[in-house]
Each structure stands twice: as structure tokens, then as C-alpha cells.
C-alpha atoms as a PDB file:
ATOM      1  CA  MET A   1     -20.991 -23.307  -2.773  1.00  0.00           C
ATOM      2  CA  SER A   2     -22.491 -26.462  -1.387  1.00  0.00           C
ATOM      3  CA  ARG A   3     -21.221 -29.336  -3.474  1.00  0.00           C
ATOM      4  CA  ILE A   4     -23.848 -31.748  -2.198  1.00  0.00           C
ATOM      5  CA  GLY A   5     -26.712 -29.244  -2.307  1.00  0.00           C
ATOM      6  CA  ASN A   6     -26.121 -28.388  -5.970  1.00  0.00           C
ATOM      7  CA  ASN A   7     -26.559 -31.985  -7.173  1.00  0.00           C
ATOM      8  CA  PRO A   8     -30.103 -32.796  -8.353  1.00  0.00           C
ATOM      9  CA  VAL A   9     -31.854 -35.835  -6.866  1.00  0.00           C
ATOM     10  CA  ALA A  10     -33.220 -38.208  -9.510  1.00  0.00           C
ATOM     11  CA  ILE A  11     -36.740 -39.523  -8.924  1.00  0.00           C
ATOM     12  CA  PRO A  12     -37.011 -43.245  -9.831  1.00  0.00           C
ATOM     13  CA  GLU A  13     -40.124 -44.847 -11.322  1.00  0.00           C
ATOM     14  CA  GLY A  14     -42.933 -45.523  -8.871  1.00  0.00           C
ATOM     15  CA  VAL A  15     -41.988 -42.595  -6.602  1.00  0.00           C
ATOM     16  CA  THR A  16     -43.993 -39.366  -6.445  1.00  0.00           C
ATOM     17  CA  VAL A  17     -42.658 -36.170  -4.885  1.00  0.00           C
ATOM     18  CA  THR A  18     -44.941 -33.255  -4.006  1.00  0.00           C
ATOM     19  CA  VAL A  19     -43.980 -29.898  -2.506  1.00  0.00           C
ATOM     20  CA  ASP A  20     -46.620 -27.860  -0.620  1.00  0.00           C
ATOM     21  CA  ASN A  21     -45.595 -24.610   1.108  1.00  0.00           C
ATOM     22  CA  ASN A  22     -42.745 -25.752   3.397  1.00  0.00           C
ATOM     23  CA  THR A  23     -43.427 -29.494   3.325  1.00  0.00           C
ATOM     24  CA  ILE A  24     -42.123 -32.142   0.951  1.00  0.00           C
ATOM     25  CA  THR A  25     -43.952 -35.482   0.669  1.00  0.00           C
ATOM     26  CA  VAL A  26     -42.424 -38.569  -0.941  1.00  0.00           C
ATOM     27  CA  LYS A  27     -44.583 -41.633  -1.719  1.00  0.00           C
ATOM     28  CA  GLY A  28     -43.302 -44.965  -2.960  1.00  0.00           C
ATOM     29  CA  LYS A  29     -43.937 -48.700  -2.856  1.00  0.00           C
ATOM     30  CA  LEU A  30     -42.507 -49.028   0.687  1.00  0.00           C
ATOM     31  CA  GLY A  31     -44.334 -46.128   2.311  1.00  0.00           C
ATOM     32  CA  GLU A  32     -44.727 -42.387   2.616  1.00  0.00           C
ATOM     33  CA  LEU A  33     -42.440 -39.811   4.252  1.00  0.00           C
ATOM     34  CA  THR A  34     -42.845 -36.077   4.883  1.00  0.00           C
ATOM     35  CA  GLN A  35     -40.268 -33.461   5.798  1.00  0.00           C
ATOM     36  CA  GLU A  36     -40.646 -29.777   6.618  1.00  0.00           C
ATOM     37  CA  PHE A  37     -38.009 -27.358   5.350  1.00  0.00           C
ATOM     38  CA  ASP A  38     -37.189 -23.673   5.674  1.00  0.00           C
ATOM     39  CA  THR A  39     -34.754 -21.054   4.315  1.00  0.00           C
ATOM     40  CA  VAL A  40     -34.232 -23.019   1.052  1.00  0.00           C
ATOM     41  CA  GLU A  41     -36.389 -23.618  -2.019  1.00  0.00           C
ATOM     42  CA  VAL A  42     -37.296 -27.115  -3.247  1.00  0.00           C
ATOM     43  CA  LYS A  43     -38.555 -27.647  -6.812  1.00  0.00           C
ATOM     44  CA  VAL A  44     -39.527 -30.732  -8.805  1.00  0.00           C
ATOM     45  CA  GLU A  45     -38.439 -30.414 -12.443  1.00  0.00           C
ATOM     46  CA  GLU A  46     -38.155 -33.046 -15.204  1.00  0.00           C
ATOM     47  CA  GLY A  47     -37.884 -36.068 -12.903  1.00  0.00           C
ATOM     48  CA  ASN A  48     -35.404 -34.378 -10.560  1.00  0.00           C
ATOM     49  CA  VAL A  49     -35.661 -32.597  -7.220  1.00  0.00           C
ATOM     50  CA  LEU A  50     -33.620 -29.387  -7.021  1.00  0.00           C
ATOM     51  CA  VAL A  51     -32.721 -27.651  -3.751  1.00  0.00           C
ATOM     52  CA  THR A  52     -31.665 -24.001  -4.141  1.00  0.00           C
ATOM     53  CA  ARG A  53     -30.913 -21.108  -1.843  1.00  0.00           C
ATOM     54  CA  SER A  54     -31.516 -17.430  -2.482  1.00  0.00           C
ATOM     55  CA  THR A  55     -28.588 -15.908  -0.538  1.00  0.00           C
ATOM     56  CA  ASP A  56     -25.242 -17.001   0.836  1.00  0.00           C
ATOM     57  CA  THR A  57     -25.971 -16.508   4.524  1.00  0.00           C
ATOM     58  CA  LYS A  58     -24.391 -18.965   6.921  1.00  0.00           C
ATOM     59  CA  ASP A  59     -27.770 -20.467   7.854  1.00  0.00           C
ATOM     60  CA  GLN A  60     -28.800 -21.079   4.232  1.00  0.00           C
ATOM     61  CA  LYS A  61     -25.416 -22.542   3.324  1.00  0.00           C
ATOM     62  CA  ALA A  62     -25.684 -24.970   6.227  1.00  0.00           C
ATOM     63  CA  LYS A  63     -29.203 -26.106   5.360  1.00  0.00           C
ATOM     64  CA  HIS A  64     -28.682 -26.330   1.578  1.00  0.00           C
ATOM     65  CA  GLY A  65     -26.770 -29.627   1.665  1.00  0.00           C
ATOM     66  CA  LEU A  66     -28.763 -30.889   4.663  1.00  0.00           C
ATOM     67  CA  TYR A  67     -32.153 -30.725   2.960  1.00  0.00           C
ATOM     68  CA  ARG A  68     -30.777 -32.176  -0.276  1.00  0.00           C
ATOM     69  CA  SER A  69     -29.436 -35.163   1.713  1.00  0.00           C
ATOM     70  CA  LEU A  70     -32.733 -35.559   3.574  1.00  0.00           C
ATOM     71  CA  VAL A  71     -34.676 -35.577   0.285  1.00  0.00           C
ATOM     72  CA  PHE A  72     -32.247 -38.134  -1.191  1.00  0.00           C
ATOM     73  CA  ASN A  73     -32.626 -40.381   1.877  1.00  0.00           C
ATOM     74  CA  MET A  74     -36.417 -40.137   1.681  1.00  0.00           C
ATOM     75  CA  ILE A  75     -36.494 -41.076  -2.019  1.00  0.00           C
ATOM     76  CA  GLU A  76     -34.019 -43.925  -1.484  1.00  0.00           C
ATOM     77  CA  GLY A  77     -36.026 -45.153   1.513  1.00  0.00           C
ATOM     78  CA  VAL A  78     -39.435 -45.365  -0.162  1.00  0.00           C
ATOM     79  CA  SER A  79     -37.962 -47.047  -3.261  1.00  0.00           C
ATOM     80  CA  LYS A  80     -35.325 -49.452  -1.819  1.00  0.00           C
ATOM     81  CA  GLY A  81     -35.489 -49.185   1.981  1.00  0.00           C
ATOM     82  CA  TRP A  82     -32.766 -48.950   4.623  1.00  0.00           C
ATOM     83  CA  THR A  83     -31.217 -51.821   6.590  1.00  0.00           C
ATOM     84  CA  LYS A  84     -28.995 -51.892   9.684  1.00  0.00           C
ATOM     85  CA  GLU A  85     -27.449 -55.104  11.006  1.00  0.00           C
ATOM     86  CA  LEU A  86     -26.298 -55.554  14.596  1.00  0.00           C
ATOM     87  CA  GLU A  87     -24.099 -58.399  15.830  1.00  0.00           C
ATOM     88  CA  LEU A  88     -24.178 -59.721  19.404  1.00  0.00           C
ATOM     89  CA  VAL A  89     -20.661 -60.699  20.519  1.00  0.00           C
ATOM     90  CA  GLY A  90     -20.434 -62.538  23.828  1.00  0.00           C
ATOM     91  CA  VAL A  91     -21.073 -65.872  25.478  1.00  0.00           C
ATOM     92  CA  GLY A  92     -24.783 -66.359  26.139  1.00  0.00           C
ATOM     93  CA  TYR A  93     -25.904 -63.255  24.242  1.00  0.00           C
ATOM     94  CA  ARG A  94     -29.105 -64.108  22.363  1.00  0.00           C
ATOM     95  CA  ALA A  95     -31.772 -62.315  20.376  1.00  0.00           C
ATOM     96  CA  SER A  96     -35.230 -63.458  19.316  1.00  0.00           C
ATOM     97  CA  ASN A  97     -38.283 -61.755  17.929  1.00  0.00           C
ATOM     98  CA  GLN A  98     -42.007 -62.377  17.636  1.00  0.00           C
ATOM     99  CA  GLY A  99     -43.460 -59.891  15.196  1.00  0.00           C
ATOM    100  CA  ASN A 100     -42.155 -56.459  16.195  1.00  0.00           C
ATOM    101  CA  VAL A 101     -41.233 -57.469  19.747  1.00  0.00           C
ATOM    102  CA  LEU A 102     -37.481 -58.004  20.187  1.00  0.00           C
ATOM    103  CA  GLU A 103     -36.178 -59.976  23.174  1.00  0.00           C
ATOM    104  CA  LEU A 104     -32.498 -59.668  24.091  1.00  0.00           C
ATOM    105  CA  ALA A 105     -30.505 -61.779  26.570  1.00  0.00           C
ATOM    106  CA  LEU A 106     -27.367 -59.715  27.263  1.00  0.00           C
ATOM    107  CA  GLY A 107     -26.044 -61.099  30.528  1.00  0.00           C
ATOM    108  CA  PHE A 108     -28.249 -59.044  32.811  1.00  0.00           C
ATOM    109  CA  SER A 109     -30.432 -60.640  35.491  1.00  0.00           C
ATOM    110  CA  HIS A 110     -33.439 -60.195  33.187  1.00  0.00           C
ATOM    111  CA  ASN A 111     -34.101 -60.209  29.459  1.00  0.00           C
ATOM    112  CA  ILE A 112     -34.674 -56.900  27.693  1.00  0.00           C
ATOM    113  CA  ILE A 113     -37.977 -56.777  25.803  1.00  0.00           C
ATOM    114  CA  LEU A 114     -38.232 -53.997  23.219  1.00  0.00           C
ATOM    115  CA  ASP A 115     -41.486 -53.199  21.400  1.00  0.00           C
ATOM    116  CA  LEU A 116     -40.509 -51.638  18.063  1.00  0.00           C
ATOM    117  CA  ALA A 117     -42.421 -49.175  15.911  1.00  0.00           C
ATOM    118  CA  PRO A 118     -44.733 -50.701  13.278  1.00  0.00           C
ATOM    119  CA  GLU A 119     -42.681 -49.081  10.462  1.00  0.00           C
ATOM    120  CA  ILE A 120     -39.673 -51.251  11.354  1.00  0.00           C
ATOM    121  CA  LYS A 121     -39.350 -54.887  10.348  1.00  0.00           C
ATOM    122  CA  VAL A 122     -37.026 -56.886  12.605  1.00  0.00           C
ATOM    123  CA  GLU A 123     -35.416 -60.225  11.844  1.00  0.00           C
ATOM    124  CA  THR A 124     -33.057 -62.245  14.025  1.00  0.00           C
ATOM    125  CA  VAL A 125     -30.574 -64.790  12.670  1.00  0.00           C
ATOM    126  CA  SER A 126     -29.023 -67.316  15.052  1.00  0.00           C
ATOM    127  CA  ASP A 127     -26.725 -69.810  13.330  1.00  0.00           C
ATOM    128  CA  LYS A 128     -24.805 -72.376  15.345  1.00  0.00           C
ATOM    129  CA  GLY A 129     -21.186 -71.351  15.844  1.00  0.00           C
ATOM    130  CA  LYS A 130     -21.815 -67.746  14.750  1.00  0.00           C
ATOM    131  CA  ASN A 131     -22.812 -64.624  16.624  1.00  0.00           C
ATOM    132  CA  PRO A 132     -26.538 -63.751  16.583  1.00  0.00           C
ATOM    133  CA  ILE A 133     -27.472 -60.982  14.135  1.00  0.00           C
ATOM    134  CA  ILE A 134     -30.378 -58.524  14.332  1.00  0.00           C
ATOM    135  CA  LYS A 135     -31.570 -57.031  11.005  1.00  0.00           C
ATOM    136  CA  LEU A 136     -33.648 -53.851  11.145  1.00  0.00           C
ATOM    137  CA  THR A 137     -35.386 -52.721   7.929  1.00  0.00           C
ATOM    138  CA  SER A 138     -37.580 -49.684   7.229  1.00  0.00           C
ATOM    139  CA  HIS A 139     -38.207 -46.921   4.728  1.00  0.00           C
ATOM    140  CA  ASP A 140     -37.216 -44.247   7.286  1.00  0.00           C
ATOM    141  CA  LYS A 141     -33.416 -43.975   7.617  1.00  0.00           C
ATOM    142  CA  GLN A 142     -33.564 -41.814  10.738  1.00  0.00           C
ATOM    143  CA  LEU A 143     -35.862 -44.238  12.555  1.00  0.00           C
ATOM    144  CA  VAL A 144     -33.724 -47.279  11.684  1.00  0.00           C
ATOM    145  CA  GLY A 145     -30.569 -45.526  12.902  1.00  0.00           C
ATOM    146  CA  GLN A 146     -32.225 -44.359  16.101  1.00  0.00           C
ATOM    147  CA  VAL A 147     -33.546 -47.834  16.987  1.00  0.00           C
ATOM    148  CA  ALA A 148     -30.205 -49.454  16.109  1.00  0.00           C
ATOM    149  CA  ALA A 149     -28.374 -46.967  18.342  1.00  0.00           C
ATOM    150  CA  LYS A 150     -30.810 -47.655  21.185  1.00  0.00           C
ATOM    151  CA  ILE A 151     -30.278 -51.424  20.896  1.00  0.00           C
ATOM    152  CA  ARG A 152     -26.493 -50.934  20.722  1.00  0.00           C
ATOM    153  CA  GLY A 153     -26.684 -48.741  23.845  1.00  0.00           C
ATOM    154  CA  PHE A 154     -27.927 -51.649  25.975  1.00  0.00           C
ATOM    155  CA  ARG A 155     -24.463 -53.256  25.844  1.00  0.00           C
ATOM    156  CA  ARG A 156     -21.799 -51.204  24.060  1.00  0.00           C
ATOM    157  CA  PRO A 157     -18.738 -53.115  22.820  1.00  0.00           C
ATOM    158  CA  GLU A 158     -15.949 -53.014  25.370  1.00  0.00           C
ATOM    159  CA  PRO A 159     -12.355 -52.388  24.203  1.00  0.00           C
ATOM    160  CA  TYR A 160     -10.595 -55.401  25.757  1.00  0.00           C
ATOM    161  CA  LYS A 161     -12.454 -58.477  24.490  1.00  0.00           C
ATOM    162  CA  GLY A 162     -14.892 -56.767  22.105  1.00  0.00           C
ATOM    163  CA  LYS A 163     -17.973 -58.127  23.881  1.00  0.00           C
ATOM    164  CA  GLY A 164     -21.232 -56.286  23.351  1.00  0.00           C
ATOM    165  CA  ILE A 165     -23.551 -55.252  20.537  1.00  0.00           C
ATOM    166  CA  LYS A 166     -21.814 -53.841  17.457  1.00  0.00           C
ATOM    167  CA  PHE A 167     -22.785 -52.980  13.912  1.00  0.00           C
ATOM    168  CA  VAL A 168     -21.852 -55.595  11.310  1.00  0.00           C
ATOM    169  CA  GLY A 169     -18.590 -54.471   9.751  1.00  0.00           C
ATOM    170  CA  GLU A 170     -17.761 -52.039  12.572  1.00  0.00           C
ATOM    171  CA  VAL A 171     -14.067 -51.999  13.473  1.00  0.00           C
ATOM    172  CA  LEU A 172     -13.454 -51.676  17.199  1.00  0.00           C
ATOM    173  CA  ARG A 173     -10.359 -50.078  18.716  1.00  0.00           C
ATOM    174  CA  ARG A 174      -8.909 -52.739  20.937  1.00  0.00           C
ATOM    175  CA  LYS A 175      -6.681 -52.188  23.983  1.00  0.00           C
ATOM    176  CA  ALA A 176      -3.934 -54.436  25.240  1.00  0.00           C
ATOM    177  CA  GLY A 177      -4.694 -56.105  28.552  1.00  0.00           C
ATOM    178  CA  LYS A 178      -2.421 -56.285  31.579  1.00  0.00           C
ATOM    179  CA  SER A 179       1.208 -57.022  30.885  1.00  0.00           C
ATOM    180  CA  ALA A 180       2.753 -59.308  33.470  1.00  0.00           C
END
């Protein structure tokens, strides 16, 4: 039994969910998302979305909880949105944006200029005495996570001093340096 897959997903006000053949479409105030599914059955009943499976094959068991989580993330995204925050730790590391163009100064010989998708809203916060923060917001959780991982990949946090790009609240495993 999938514990996650058996839970119904509540549909909040202002969100419409439609199921056509093997495609589910979720519309809300922040946007519209679609997802294809297979091997499971998705139904909309009494303000809830139910994901069921017909047999207990390994493939259906695996996808039962997956599609329920994807539907939940879609509904949450179009109603509230998803946000990821990245922190730049290091001397001279800076971030600035103009619209959806993000410019990063990460200690390389050149600045990194990243043109983001129109679904993502980017905001940079640079307070004096604090590390610069990049806030990524969108209705698509997968897209926000993918872009955040790409930005983090430009300069991963290193284990000795902790310099690099990290998620806000991320705990890094630190190593001891040389012992004399």
C-alpha cells in the first residue's frame, strides 16, 4: 500500500483540475500546469483529486505515490507558488538582475550571465554586511529546483571554508584544515 498515494489531494478555491485521457491540467491564479500520467487512474471527486491503481504490480506501486505527489505540487504551485533562496558565500561574490537576466560575479575572470525562463521571477538582495541572496519564484516546482541547481553548480560550496553558492538553511559538512 502506498501511504502517500492513498491520501486525497484537496483542491483549494480558485483552482480548477481537469483530467483528459492521460493528461491532467491544473489552472490557478499563478498559471497553468499539465502533466501526463500512465498506469494509474486519476479522478476528481467532491473537491479532491484521487489517484488509484488497479493492480499491485511493482510499476504501478512505484508510480502511485509519484503521481499523487506531482498533482499535489502542481496544485500547490498554481495557488501559492514555490520559492528557492540561494546564498552567495565568499569575498567579492555578487549577484544582480535586470528583469529575468541574472548576472553573477563568482571569482572567475568573467561574470556569468544567465537568461532565465519567463515563468521564473528572480530577485536579488544585497544588504551591506550580509551575503547576497538570490530568490527564485515560480508556479512550477520542478523548474525552480532545476534552475536553482544550475546556479548552485557554477560554484558549489567547498568543505573547508564554506565558500560558494548554497541554499539558505543548508547545513554544510565542514572538514578540519591542516594540523600543524
